[in-house]
PDB file of N, CA and C in Angstrom:
ATOM      1  N   MET A   1     -21.091 141.242 219.599  1.00  0.00           N
ATOM      2  CA  MET A   1     -21.848 141.463 218.622  1.00  0.00           C
ATOM      3  C   MET A   1     -23.060 140.318 218.709  1.00  0.00           C
ATOM      4  N   ALA A   2     -22.654 139.114 219.151  1.00  0.00           N
ATOM      5  CA  ALA A   2     -23.634 138.243 219.205  1.00  0.00           C
ATOM      6  C   ALA A   2     -24.839 138.426 220.557  1.00  0.00           C
ATOM      7  N   LEU A   3     -24.169 139.190 221.478  1.00  0.00           N
ATOM      8  CA  LEU A   3     -25.061 139.548 222.380  1.00  0.00           C
ATOM      9  C   LEU A   3     -26.346 140.482 221.829  1.00  0.00           C
ATOM     10  N   LEU A   4     -25.742 141.398 221.076  1.00  0.00           N
ATOM     11  CA  LEU A   4     -26.651 142.502 220.267  1.00  0.00           C
ATOM     12  C   LEU A   4     -27.654 141.628 219.517  1.00  0.00           C
ATOM     13  N   LYS A   5     -27.221 140.605 218.894  1.00  0.00           N
ATOM     14  CA  LYS A   5     -28.069 139.780 217.798  1.00  0.00           C
ATOM     15  C   LYS A   5     -29.131 139.156 218.807  1.00  0.00           C
ATOM     16  N   MET A   6     -28.661 138.656 219.780  1.00  0.00           N
ATOM     17  CA  MET A   6     -29.361 137.892 220.938  1.00  0.00           C
ATOM     18  C   MET A   6     -30.573 138.560 221.478  1.00  0.00           C
ATOM     19  N   LYS A   7     -30.340 140.058 221.675  1.00  0.00           N
ATOM     20  CA  LYS A   7     -31.131 140.724 222.086  1.00  0.00           C
ATOM     21  C   LYS A   7     -32.098 141.331 221.255  1.00  0.00           C
ATOM     22  N   LEU A   8     -31.951 140.964 220.008  1.00  0.00           N
ATOM     23  CA  LEU A   8     -32.789 141.511 218.741  1.00  0.00           C
ATOM     24  C   LEU A   8     -32.715 143.057 218.499  1.00  0.00           C
ATOM     25  N   ILE A   9     -31.301 143.620 218.567  1.00  0.00           N
ATOM     26  CA  ILE A   9     -31.200 144.813 218.410  1.00  0.00           C
ATOM     27  C   ILE A   9     -31.269 145.056 216.860  1.00  0.00           C
ATOM     28  N   GLY A  10     -32.051 146.207 216.402  1.00  0.00           N
ATOM     29  CA  GLY A  10     -32.275 146.277 215.098  1.00  0.00           C
ATOM     30  C   GLY A  10     -31.861 147.765 214.574  1.00  0.00           C
ATOM     31  N   VAL A  11     -31.748 148.051 213.345  1.00  0.00           N
ATOM     32  CA  VAL A  11     -31.390 149.221 212.815  1.00  0.00           C
ATOM     33  C   VAL A  11     -32.058 150.341 213.337  1.00  0.00           C
ATOM     34  N   THR A  12     -33.313 150.275 213.831  1.00  0.00           N
ATOM     35  CA  THR A  12     -33.850 151.381 214.436  1.00  0.00           C
ATOM     36  C   THR A  12     -33.791 151.569 216.036  1.00  0.00           C
ATOM     37  N   THR A  13     -33.167 150.528 216.613  1.00  0.00           N
ATOM     38  CA  THR A  13     -33.009 150.673 217.903  1.00  0.00           C
ATOM     39  C   THR A  13     -32.125 151.657 218.361  1.00  0.00           C
ATOM     40  N   LYS A  14     -32.640 152.359 219.239  1.00  0.00           N
ATOM     41  CA  LYS A  14     -31.850 153.588 219.851  1.00  0.00           C
ATOM     42  C   LYS A  14     -31.049 153.250 221.048  1.00  0.00           C
ATOM     43  N   TRP A  15     -29.920 153.816 221.282  1.00  0.00           N
ATOM     44  CA  TRP A  15     -28.824 153.448 222.317  1.00  0.00           C
ATOM     45  C   TRP A  15     -29.531 153.331 223.774  1.00  0.00           C
ATOM     46  N   ASP A  16     -30.608 153.988 224.026  1.00  0.00           N
ATOM     47  CA  ASP A  16     -30.997 154.094 225.492  1.00  0.00           C
ATOM     48  C   ASP A  16     -31.692 152.673 225.517  1.00  0.00           C
ATOM     49  N   SER A  17     -32.540 152.322 224.401  1.00  0.00           N
ATOM     50  CA  SER A  17     -33.174 150.983 224.467  1.00  0.00           C
ATOM     51  C   SER A  17     -32.132 149.739 224.719  1.00  0.00           C
ATOM     52  N   CYS A  18     -31.117 150.001 223.805  1.00  0.00           N
ATOM     53  CA  CYS A  18     -30.019 149.045 223.853  1.00  0.00           C
ATOM     54  C   CYS A  18     -29.485 148.554 225.476  1.00  0.00           C
ATOM     55  N   ILE A  19     -29.399 149.779 225.891  1.00  0.00           N
ATOM     56  CA  ILE A  19     -28.888 149.715 227.371  1.00  0.00           C
ATOM     57  C   ILE A  19     -29.887 149.045 228.119  1.00  0.00           C
ATOM     58  N   LYS A  20     -31.081 149.360 228.093  1.00  0.00           N
ATOM     59  CA  LYS A  20     -32.048 148.630 228.809  1.00  0.00           C
ATOM     60  C   LYS A  20     -32.202 147.106 228.606  1.00  0.00           C
ATOM     61  N   LEU A  21     -32.145 146.797 227.331  1.00  0.00           N
ATOM     62  CA  LEU A  21     -32.226 145.582 226.751  1.00  0.00           C
ATOM     63  C   LEU A  21     -30.906 144.588 227.370  1.00  0.00           C
ATOM     64  N   CYS A  22     -29.851 145.170 227.371  1.00  0.00           N
ATOM     65  CA  CYS A  22     -28.588 144.362 227.792  1.00  0.00           C
ATOM     66  C   CYS A  22     -28.235 144.429 229.037  1.00  0.00           C
ATOM     67  N   GLU A  23     -28.568 145.394 229.733  1.00  0.00           N
ATOM     68  CA  GLU A  23     -27.984 145.676 231.271  1.00  0.00           C
ATOM     69  C   GLU A  23     -27.747 144.587 232.304  1.00  0.00           C
ATOM     70  N   ASP A  24     -28.750 143.612 232.128  1.00  0.00           N
ATOM     71  CA  ASP A  24     -28.573 142.386 232.826  1.00  0.00           C
ATOM     72  C   ASP A  24     -27.752 141.178 232.591  1.00  0.00           C
ATOM     73  N   ASP A  25     -26.958 141.316 231.449  1.00  0.00           N
ATOM     74  CA  ASP A  25     -26.264 140.473 230.944  1.00  0.00           C
ATOM     75  C   ASP A  25     -24.968 140.576 231.377  1.00  0.00           C
ATOM     76  N   PRO A  26     -24.332 139.632 231.906  1.00  0.00           N
ATOM     77  CA  PRO A  26     -22.933 139.918 232.428  1.00  0.00           C
ATOM     78  C   PRO A  26     -21.828 140.106 231.352  1.00  0.00           C
ATOM     79  N   ARG A  27     -22.093 139.491 230.260  1.00  0.00           N
ATOM     80  CA  ARG A  27     -20.805 140.035 229.137  1.00  0.00           C
ATOM     81  C   ARG A  27     -20.934 141.530 228.911  1.00  0.00           C
ATOM     82  N   TRP A  28     -22.389 142.072 228.908  1.00  0.00           N
ATOM     83  CA  TRP A  28     -22.400 143.585 228.789  1.00  0.00           C
ATOM     84  C   TRP A  28     -21.765 144.314 229.948  1.00  0.00           C
ATOM     85  N   GLN A  29     -21.942 143.769 231.190  1.00  0.00           N
ATOM     86  CA  GLN A  29     -21.623 144.495 232.384  1.00  0.00           C
ATOM     87  C   GLN A  29     -19.874 144.511 232.208  1.00  0.00           C
ATOM     88  N   LEU A  30     -19.292 143.430 231.562  1.00  0.00           N
ATOM     89  CA  LEU A  30     -17.669 143.665 231.522  1.00  0.00           C
ATOM     90  C   LEU A  30     -17.202 144.448 230.740  1.00  0.00           C
ATOM     91  N   LEU A  31     -17.951 145.064 229.756  1.00  0.00           N
ATOM     92  CA  LEU A  31     -17.535 146.145 228.928  1.00  0.00           C
ATOM     93  C   LEU A  31     -17.389 147.575 229.605  1.00  0.00           C
ATOM     94  N   LYS A  32     -16.435 148.487 229.100  1.00  0.00           N
ATOM     95  CA  LYS A  32     -16.645 149.768 229.378  1.00  0.00           C
ATOM     96  C   LYS A  32     -17.645 150.573 228.711  1.00  0.00           C
ATOM     97  N   ILE A  33     -18.266 151.700 229.196  1.00  0.00           N
ATOM     98  CA  ILE A  33     -19.393 152.225 228.357  1.00  0.00           C
ATOM     99  C   ILE A  33     -18.881 152.717 227.013  1.00  0.00           C
ATOM    100  N   SER A  34     -17.587 153.020 226.943  1.00  0.00           N
ATOM    101  CA  SER A  34     -17.175 153.501 225.434  1.00  0.00           C
ATOM    102  C   SER A  34     -17.123 152.344 224.486  1.00  0.00           C
ATOM    103  N   ASP A  35     -16.766 151.430 224.924  1.00  0.00           N
ATOM    104  CA  ASP A  35     -16.778 150.074 224.089  1.00  0.00           C
ATOM    105  C   ASP A  35     -18.327 149.527 224.020  1.00  0.00           C
ATOM    106  N   LYS A  36     -19.198 149.791 224.993  1.00  0.00           N
ATOM    107  CA  LYS A  36     -20.467 149.192 224.695  1.00  0.00           C
ATOM    108  C   LYS A  36     -21.018 150.275 223.444  1.00  0.00           C
ATOM    109  N   LYS A  37     -20.806 151.443 223.489  1.00  0.00           N
ATOM    110  CA  LYS A  37     -21.358 152.321 222.566  1.00  0.00           C
ATOM    111  C   LYS A  37     -20.694 152.044 221.174  1.00  0.00           C
ATOM    112  N   LYS A  38     -19.413 151.731 221.178  1.00  0.00           N
ATOM    113  CA  LYS A  38     -18.683 151.446 219.988  1.00  0.00           C
ATOM    114  C   LYS A  38     -19.151 150.163 219.337  1.00  0.00           C
ATOM    115  N   TYR A  39     -19.429 149.078 219.969  1.00  0.00           N
ATOM    116  CA  TYR A  39     -19.870 147.854 219.443  1.00  0.00           C
ATOM    117  C   TYR A  39     -21.285 148.078 219.085  1.00  0.00           C
ATOM    118  N   PHE A  40     -22.207 148.736 219.894  1.00  0.00           N
ATOM    119  CA  PHE A  40     -23.520 149.108 219.213  1.00  0.00           C
ATOM    120  C   PHE A  40     -23.506 149.743 218.018  1.00  0.00           C
ATOM    121  N   ASN A  41     -22.598 150.987 217.735  1.00  0.00           N
ATOM    122  CA  ASN A  41     -22.605 151.563 216.753  1.00  0.00           C
ATOM    123  C   ASN A  41     -22.213 150.774 215.664  1.00  0.00           C
ATOM    124  N   GLU A  42     -21.205 149.999 215.773  1.00  0.00           N
ATOM    125  CA  GLU A  42     -20.834 149.242 214.457  1.00  0.00           C
ATOM    126  C   GLU A  42     -21.649 148.188 214.133  1.00  0.00           C
ATOM    127  N   TYR A  43     -22.418 147.451 215.291  1.00  0.00           N
ATOM    128  CA  TYR A  43     -23.400 146.610 214.960  1.00  0.00           C
ATOM    129  C   TYR A  43     -24.637 147.029 214.148  1.00  0.00           C
ATOM    130  N   VAL A  44     -25.021 148.303 214.421  1.00  0.00           N
ATOM    131  CA  VAL A  44     -26.122 149.041 213.713  1.00  0.00           C
ATOM    132  C   VAL A  44     -25.711 149.173 212.312  1.00  0.00           C
ATOM    133  N   ALA A  45     -24.567 149.465 212.222  1.00  0.00           N
ATOM    134  CA  ALA A  45     -24.144 150.092 210.973  1.00  0.00           C
ATOM    135  C   ALA A  45     -23.788 148.913 209.945  1.00  0.00           C
ATOM    136  N   ASP A  46     -23.408 147.967 210.501  1.00  0.00           N
ATOM    137  CA  ASP A  46     -23.421 146.847 209.846  1.00  0.00           C
ATOM    138  C   ASP A  46     -24.860 146.198 209.416  1.00  0.00           C
ATOM    139  N   LEU A  47     -25.649 146.314 210.176  1.00  0.00           N
ATOM    140  CA  LEU A  47     -27.074 145.841 209.938  1.00  0.00           C
ATOM    141  C   LEU A  47     -27.761 146.705 208.841  1.00  0.00           C
ATOM    142  N   LYS A  48     -27.440 148.056 208.853  1.00  0.00           N
ATOM    143  CA  LYS A  48     -27.899 149.018 207.890  1.00  0.00           C
ATOM    144  C   LYS A  48     -27.417 148.533 206.439  1.00  0.00           C
ATOM    145  N   LYS A  49     -26.043 148.413 206.477  1.00  0.00           N
ATOM    146  CA  LYS A  49     -25.472 147.864 205.400  1.00  0.00           C
ATOM    147  C   LYS A  49     -26.128 146.823 204.625  1.00  0.00           C
ATOM    148  N   ILE A  50     -26.317 145.728 205.503  1.00  0.00           N
ATOM    149  CA  ILE A  50     -27.039 144.541 205.032  1.00  0.00           C
ATOM    150  C   ILE A  50     -28.286 144.690 204.713  1.00  0.00           C
ATOM    151  N   SER A  51     -29.154 145.573 205.398  1.00  0.00           N
ATOM    152  CA  SER A  51     -30.418 145.970 204.896  1.00  0.00           C
ATOM    153  C   SER A  51     -30.523 146.483 203.623  1.00  0.00           C
ATOM    154  N   ASP A  52     -29.492 147.570 203.396  1.00  0.00           N
ATOM    155  CA  ASP A  52     -29.459 148.273 202.237  1.00  0.00           C
ATOM    156  C   ASP A  52     -29.047 147.517 200.916  1.00  0.00           C
ATOM    157  N   GLN A  53     -28.268 146.557 201.124  1.00  0.00           N
ATOM    158  CA  GLN A  53     -27.978 145.531 200.093  1.00  0.00           C
ATOM    159  C   GLN A  53     -29.064 144.926 199.774  1.00  0.00           C
ATOM    160  N   GLN A  54     -29.503 144.278 200.688  1.00  0.00           N
ATOM    161  CA  GLN A  54     -31.026 143.419 200.581  1.00  0.00           C
ATOM    162  C   GLN A  54     -32.023 144.199 199.725  1.00  0.00           C
ATOM    163  N   LYS A  55     -32.075 145.364 200.232  1.00  0.00           N
ATOM    164  CA  LYS A  55     -33.062 146.157 199.363  1.00  0.00           C
ATOM    165  C   LYS A  55     -32.866 146.514 198.084  1.00  0.00           C
ATOM    166  N   ARG A  56     -31.501 146.730 197.735  1.00  0.00           N
ATOM    167  CA  ARG A  56     -31.127 147.054 196.491  1.00  0.00           C
ATOM    168  C   ARG A  56     -31.255 145.712 195.645  1.00  0.00           C
ATOM    169  N   ALA A  57     -30.914 144.490 195.923  1.00  0.00           N
ATOM    170  CA  ALA A  57     -31.013 143.299 195.381  1.00  0.00           C
ATOM    171  C   ALA A  57     -32.563 143.017 195.052  1.00  0.00           C
ATOM    172  N   LYS A  58     -33.475 143.319 195.921  1.00  0.00           N
ATOM    173  CA  LYS A  58     -34.796 143.098 195.817  1.00  0.00           C
ATOM    174  C   LYS A  58     -35.350 143.911 194.876  1.00  0.00           C
ATOM    175  N   THR A  59     -35.039 145.243 194.702  1.00  0.00           N
ATOM    176  CA  THR A  59     -35.343 146.373 193.695  1.00  0.00           C
ATOM    177  C   THR A  59     -34.725 145.882 192.338  1.00  0.00           C
ATOM    178  N   GLU A  60     -33.721 145.478 192.265  1.00  0.00           N
ATOM    179  CA  GLU A  60     -33.167 145.052 191.091  1.00  0.00           C
ATOM    180  C   GLU A  60     -34.042 143.766 190.545  1.00  0.00           C
ATOM    181  N   VAL A  61     -34.183 143.020 191.231  1.00  0.00           N
ATOM    182  CA  VAL A  61     -35.049 141.756 190.859  1.00  0.00           C
ATOM    183  C   VAL A  61     -36.611 142.223 190.373  1.00  0.00           C
ATOM    184  N   SER A  62     -37.086 143.113 191.201  1.00  0.00           N
ATOM    185  CA  SER A  62     -38.404 143.676 190.618  1.00  0.00           C
ATOM    186  C   SER A  62     -38.304 144.447 189.607  1.00  0.00           C
ATOM    187  N   LYS A  63     -37.183 145.116 189.249  1.00  0.00           N
ATOM    188  CA  LYS A  63     -36.973 145.998 188.051  1.00  0.00           C
ATOM    189  C   LYS A  63     -36.850 145.103 186.779  1.00  0.00           C
ATOM    190  N   ASN A  64     -36.201 143.943 186.912  1.00  0.00           N
ATOM    191  CA  ASN A  64     -36.047 143.086 185.936  1.00  0.00           C
ATOM    192  C   ASN A  64     -37.487 142.373 185.568  1.00  0.00           C
ATOM    193  N   GLN A  65     -38.120 142.092 186.529  1.00  0.00           N
ATOM    194  CA  GLN A  65     -39.522 141.481 186.285  1.00  0.00           C
ATOM    195  C   GLN A  65     -40.509 142.428 185.632  1.00  0.00           C
ATOM    196  N   PHE A  66     -40.283 143.751 186.002  1.00  0.00           N
ATOM    197  CA  PHE A  66     -41.102 144.902 185.463  1.00  0.00           C
ATOM    198  C   PHE A  66     -40.866 145.018 183.920  1.00  0.00           C
ATOM    199  N   LEU A  67     -39.379 144.868 183.766  1.00  0.00           N
ATOM    200  CA  LEU A  67     -39.057 145.272 182.308  1.00  0.00           C
ATOM    201  C   LEU A  67     -39.326 144.036 181.331  1.00  0.00           C
ATOM    202  N   LYS A  68     -39.443 142.782 181.937  1.00  0.00           N
ATOM    203  CA  LYS A  68     -39.837 141.537 181.337  1.00  0.00           C
ATOM    204  C   LYS A  68     -41.329 141.721 181.024  1.00  0.00           C
ATOM    205  N   MET A  69     -42.155 142.263 181.862  1.00  0.00           N
ATOM    206  CA  MET A  69     -43.636 142.549 181.829  1.00  0.00           C
ATOM    207  C   MET A  69     -43.756 143.500 180.535  1.00  0.00           C
ATOM    208  N   LEU A  70     -42.914 144.561 180.502  1.00  0.00           N
ATOM    209  CA  LEU A  70     -42.882 145.601 179.429  1.00  0.00           C
ATOM    210  C   LEU A  70     -42.728 144.966 177.965  1.00  0.00           C
ATOM    211  N   SER A  71     -41.594 144.130 177.961  1.00  0.00           N
ATOM    212  CA  SER A  71     -41.186 143.122 176.769  1.00  0.00           C
ATOM    213  C   SER A  71     -42.140 142.075 176.188  1.00  0.00           C
ATOM    214  N   GLU A  72     -42.943 141.736 177.241  1.00  0.00           N
ATOM    215  CA  GLU A  72     -43.974 140.680 176.891  1.00  0.00           C
ATOM    216  C   GLU A  72     -45.275 141.360 175.955  1.00  0.00           C
ATOM    217  N   ASN A  73     -45.147 142.725 176.145  1.00  0.00           N
ATOM    218  CA  ASN A  73     -46.322 143.269 175.457  1.00  0.00           C
ATOM    219  C   ASN A  73     -45.746 143.828 173.799  1.00  0.00           C
ATOM    220  N   THR A  74     -46.415 143.310 173.144  1.00  0.00           N
ATOM    221  CA  THR A  74     -46.070 143.471 171.762  1.00  0.00           C
ATOM    222  C   THR A  74     -46.756 144.648 170.999  1.00  0.00           C
ATOM    223  N   THR A  75     -47.570 145.366 171.893  1.00  0.00           N
ATOM    224  CA  THR A  75     -48.180 146.475 171.278  1.00  0.00           C
ATOM    225  C   THR A  75     -47.489 147.886 171.862  1.00  0.00           C
ATOM    226  N   LEU A  76     -46.661 147.734 172.624  1.00  0.00           N
ATOM    227  CA  LEU A  76     -45.777 148.953 172.923  1.00  0.00           C
ATOM    228  C   LEU A  76     -44.972 149.422 171.714  1.00  0.00           C
ATOM    229  N   THR A  77     -44.702 150.718 171.629  1.00  0.00           N
ATOM    230  CA  THR A  77     -43.875 151.451 170.785  1.00  0.00           C
ATOM    231  C   THR A  77     -43.151 152.588 171.481  1.00  0.00           C
ATOM    232  N   SER A  78     -42.083 152.867 170.873  1.00  0.00           N
ATOM    233  CA  SER A  78     -41.226 153.716 171.619  1.00  0.00           C
ATOM    234  C   SER A  78     -41.884 155.352 171.906  1.00  0.00           C
ATOM    235  N   ASP A  79     -43.070 155.582 171.212  1.00  0.00           N
ATOM    236  CA  ASP A  79     -43.606 156.844 171.548  1.00  0.00           C
ATOM    237  C   ASP A  79     -45.041 156.662 172.505  1.00  0.00           C
ATOM    238  N   CYS A  80     -44.940 155.619 173.003  1.00  0.00           N
ATOM    239  CA  CYS A  80     -46.184 155.215 174.065  1.00  0.00           C
ATOM    240  C   CYS A  80     -45.710 156.194 175.389  1.00  0.00           C
ATOM    241  N   LYS A  81     -46.601 156.645 176.072  1.00  0.00           N
ATOM    242  CA  LYS A  81     -46.428 157.446 177.305  1.00  0.00           C
ATOM    243  C   LYS A  81     -46.935 156.563 178.487  1.00  0.00           C
ATOM    244  N   MET A  82     -46.253 156.521 179.555  1.00  0.00           N
ATOM    245  CA  MET A  82     -46.430 155.678 180.473  1.00  0.00           C
ATOM    246  C   MET A  82     -48.001 155.887 181.376  1.00  0.00           C
ATOM    247  N   HIS A  83     -48.510 157.205 181.291  1.00  0.00           N
ATOM    248  CA  HIS A  83     -49.727 157.429 181.774  1.00  0.00           C
ATOM    249  C   HIS A  83     -50.862 156.904 180.972  1.00  0.00           C
ATOM    250  N   LYS A  84     -50.416 156.919 179.621  1.00  0.00           N
ATOM    251  CA  LYS A  84     -51.496 156.060 178.660  1.00  0.00           C
ATOM    252  C   LYS A  84     -51.609 154.748 178.681  1.00  0.00           C
ATOM    253  N   ILE A  85     -50.470 154.008 178.996  1.00  0.00           N
ATOM    254  CA  ILE A  85     -50.360 152.632 178.997  1.00  0.00           C
ATOM    255  C   ILE A  85     -50.805 151.881 180.438  1.00  0.00           C
ATOM    256  N   ALA A  86     -50.491 152.731 181.354  1.00  0.00           N
ATOM    257  CA  ALA A  86     -50.702 152.187 182.791  1.00  0.00           C
ATOM    258  C   ALA A  86     -51.848 151.338 183.041  1.00  0.00           C
ATOM    259  N   TYR A  87     -52.925 151.771 182.560  1.00  0.00           N
ATOM    260  CA  TYR A  87     -54.276 151.087 182.859  1.00  0.00           C
ATOM    261  C   TYR A  87     -54.351 149.721 182.240  1.00  0.00           C
ATOM    262  N   ASP A  88     -53.407 149.377 181.236  1.00  0.00           N
ATOM    263  CA  ASP A  88     -53.345 148.303 180.513  1.00  0.00           C
ATOM    264  C   ASP A  88     -52.515 146.966 181.512  1.00  0.00           C
ATOM    265  N   PHE A  89     -51.728 147.798 182.255  1.00  0.00           N
ATOM    266  CA  PHE A  89     -50.918 146.904 183.279  1.00  0.00           C
ATOM    267  C   PHE A  89     -51.178 146.683 184.788  1.00  0.00           C
ATOM    268  N   LEU A  90     -52.187 147.613 184.984  1.00  0.00           N
ATOM    269  CA  LEU A  90     -52.599 147.626 186.375  1.00  0.00           C
ATOM    270  C   LEU A  90     -52.926 146.138 186.986  1.00  0.00           C
ATOM    271  N   ALA A  91     -53.419 145.354 186.242  1.00  0.00           N
ATOM    272  CA  ALA A  91     -53.738 144.180 186.740  1.00  0.00           C
ATOM    273  C   ALA A  91     -52.609 143.147 186.852  1.00  0.00           C
ATOM    274  N   ASP A  92     -51.684 143.424 186.370  1.00  0.00           N
ATOM    275  CA  ASP A  92     -50.370 142.623 186.396  1.00  0.00           C
ATOM    276  C   ASP A  92     -49.609 142.961 187.859  1.00  0.00           C
ATOM    277  N   SER A  93     -49.321 142.082 188.385  1.00  0.00           N
ATOM    278  CA  SER A  93     -48.720 142.428 189.887  1.00  0.00           C
ATOM    279  C   SER A  93     -47.207 142.804 189.683  1.00  0.00           C
ATOM    280  N   ARG A  94     -46.554 142.677 188.697  1.00  0.00           N
ATOM    281  CA  ARG A  94     -45.142 143.209 188.360  1.00  0.00           C
ATOM    282  C   ARG A  94     -45.240 144.584 188.257  1.00  0.00           C
ATOM    283  N   TRP A  95     -46.369 145.210 187.882  1.00  0.00           N
ATOM    284  CA  TRP A  95     -46.430 146.618 187.839  1.00  0.00           C
ATOM    285  C   TRP A  95     -46.441 147.288 189.054  1.00  0.00           C
ATOM    286  N   ARG A  96     -46.860 146.612 189.981  1.00  0.00           N
ATOM    287  CA  ARG A  96     -46.594 147.234 191.628  1.00  0.00           C
ATOM    288  C   ARG A  96     -45.516 146.925 192.322  1.00  0.00           C
ATOM    289  N   LEU A  97     -44.632 146.303 191.725  1.00  0.00           N
ATOM    290  CA  LEU A  97     -43.466 145.465 192.608  1.00  0.00           C
ATOM    291  C   LEU A  97     -42.351 146.862 192.840  1.00  0.00           C
ATOM    292  N   LEU A  98     -42.327 148.016 191.937  1.00  0.00           N
ATOM    293  CA  LEU A  98     -41.587 149.116 192.086  1.00  0.00           C
ATOM    294  C   LEU A  98     -42.402 150.289 192.757  1.00  0.00           C
ATOM    295  N   GLU A  99     -41.647 151.170 193.497  1.00  0.00           N
ATOM    296  CA  GLU A  99     -42.182 152.378 193.708  1.00  0.00           C
ATOM    297  C   GLU A  99     -42.437 153.191 192.358  1.00  0.00           C
ATOM    298  N   GLU A 100     -43.131 154.188 192.573  1.00  0.00           N
ATOM    299  CA  GLU A 100     -43.609 155.229 191.420  1.00  0.00           C
ATOM    300  C   GLU A 100     -42.476 155.493 190.745  1.00  0.00           C
ATOM    301  N   HIS A 101     -41.633 156.300 191.509  1.00  0.00           N
ATOM    302  CA  HIS A 101     -40.359 156.914 190.695  1.00  0.00           C
ATOM    303  C   HIS A 101     -39.490 155.828 190.216  1.00  0.00           C
ATOM    304  N   GLU A 102     -39.262 154.877 190.828  1.00  0.00           N
ATOM    305  CA  GLU A 102     -38.496 153.602 190.126  1.00  0.00           C
ATOM    306  C   GLU A 102     -39.069 152.925 188.830  1.00  0.00           C
ATOM    307  N   ARG A 103     -40.484 152.877 188.902  1.00  0.00           N
ATOM    308  CA  ARG A 103     -41.352 152.356 187.820  1.00  0.00           C
ATOM    309  C   ARG A 103     -41.359 153.443 186.485  1.00  0.00           C
ATOM    310  N   GLU A 104     -41.071 154.798 186.941  1.00  0.00           N
ATOM    311  CA  GLU A 104     -40.979 155.764 185.861  1.00  0.00           C
ATOM    312  C   GLU A 104     -39.617 155.449 185.266  1.00  0.00           C
ATOM    313  N   ASN A 105     -38.477 155.357 185.930  1.00  0.00           N
ATOM    314  CA  ASN A 105     -37.170 155.482 185.495  1.00  0.00           C
ATOM    315  C   ASN A 105     -36.951 154.080 184.800  1.00  0.00           C
ATOM    316  N   ALA A 106     -37.416 152.865 185.072  1.00  0.00           N
ATOM    317  CA  ALA A 106     -37.490 151.624 184.578  1.00  0.00           C
ATOM    318  C   ALA A 106     -38.019 151.903 183.045  1.00  0.00           C
ATOM    319  N   PHE A 107     -39.474 152.429 183.379  1.00  0.00           N
ATOM    320  CA  PHE A 107     -40.265 152.538 181.987  1.00  0.00           C
ATOM    321  C   PHE A 107     -39.510 153.472 180.943  1.00  0.00           C
ATOM    322  N   GLN A 108     -39.006 154.504 181.235  1.00  0.00           N
ATOM    323  CA  GLN A 108     -37.948 155.427 180.258  1.00  0.00           C
ATOM    324  C   GLN A 108     -36.906 154.465 179.817  1.00  0.00           C
ATOM    325  N   ILE A 109     -36.120 153.831 180.791  1.00  0.00           N
ATOM    326  CA  ILE A 109     -35.073 153.093 180.271  1.00  0.00           C
ATOM    327  C   ILE A 109     -35.611 152.151 179.094  1.00  0.00           C
ATOM    328  N   TYR A 110     -36.883 151.453 179.234  1.00  0.00           N
ATOM    329  CA  TYR A 110     -37.032 150.677 178.464  1.00  0.00           C
ATOM    330  C   TYR A 110     -37.582 151.315 177.069  1.00  0.00           C
ATOM    331  N   MET A 111     -38.178 152.195 177.156  1.00  0.00           N
ATOM    332  CA  MET A 111     -38.445 153.114 176.021  1.00  0.00           C
ATOM    333  C   MET A 111     -37.331 153.634 175.289  1.00  0.00           C
ATOM    334  N   ASP A 112     -36.305 154.066 175.967  1.00  0.00           N
ATOM    335  CA  ASP A 112     -35.221 154.417 175.268  1.00  0.00           C
ATOM    336  C   ASP A 112     -34.400 153.206 174.429  1.00  0.00           C
ATOM    337  N   GLU A 113     -34.558 151.761 175.045  1.00  0.00           N
ATOM    338  CA  GLU A 113     -34.031 150.899 174.436  1.00  0.00           C
ATOM    339  C   GLU A 113     -34.915 150.276 173.146  1.00  0.00           C
ATOM    340  N   LEU A 114     -36.096 150.647 173.328  1.00  0.00           N
ATOM    341  CA  LEU A 114     -37.143 150.085 172.297  1.00  0.00           C
ATOM    342  C   LEU A 114     -36.767 151.228 171.271  1.00  0.00           C
ATOM    343  N   ALA A 115     -36.711 152.674 171.364  1.00  0.00           N
ATOM    344  CA  ALA A 115     -36.486 153.384 170.357  1.00  0.00           C
ATOM    345  C   ALA A 115     -35.137 152.994 169.573  1.00  0.00           C
ATOM    346  N   GLN A 116     -34.131 152.691 170.410  1.00  0.00           N
ATOM    347  CA  GLN A 116     -33.010 152.310 169.530  1.00  0.00           C
ATOM    348  C   GLN A 116     -33.136 151.117 168.699  1.00  0.00           C
ATOM    349  N   LYS A 117     -33.930 150.154 169.215  1.00  0.00           N
ATOM    350  CA  LYS A 117     -34.217 148.980 168.381  1.00  0.00           C
ATOM    351  C   LYS A 117     -35.033 149.491 167.265  1.00  0.00           C
ATOM    352  N   GLU A 118     -36.062 150.225 167.369  1.00  0.00           N
ATOM    353  CA  GLU A 118     -36.855 150.727 166.057  1.00  0.00           C
ATOM    354  C   GLU A 118     -35.852 151.465 165.114  1.00  0.00           C
ATOM    355  N   ARG A 119     -34.912 152.256 165.488  1.00  0.00           N
ATOM    356  CA  ARG A 119     -34.331 152.735 164.470  1.00  0.00           C
ATOM    357  C   ARG A 119     -33.244 152.021 163.777  1.00  0.00           C
ATOM    358  N   ASP A 120     -32.618 151.062 164.472  1.00  0.00           N
ATOM    359  CA  ASP A 120     -31.799 149.908 163.760  1.00  0.00           C
ATOM    360  C   ASP A 120     -32.297 149.043 163.033  1.00  0.00           C
TER     361      ASP A 120
END
């Protein structure tokens, strides 16, 4: 696995490219082809898993920052619509942290919580 890391094998690296990058390394030459492929697949799967975890963590942080931005606005009420208030937030960098569908979901969650608070 250290060899693959050293050769900068990434999540998107194809098997054929890996072979070309590693073929001159003596450690690579000691392995059977089936083991090479197995190690490659395991390594890429591990990289993908780590990448996905990092993306989820980043999205969670961005979502929290987005929700904080909404909570800082004292003029929002539970009957506000996202498309009507979007212009007010466009200048805030936290508005652009999330993809559109994630932003819509977070906005709806915030509005539902706000409606619950208004009822209580």
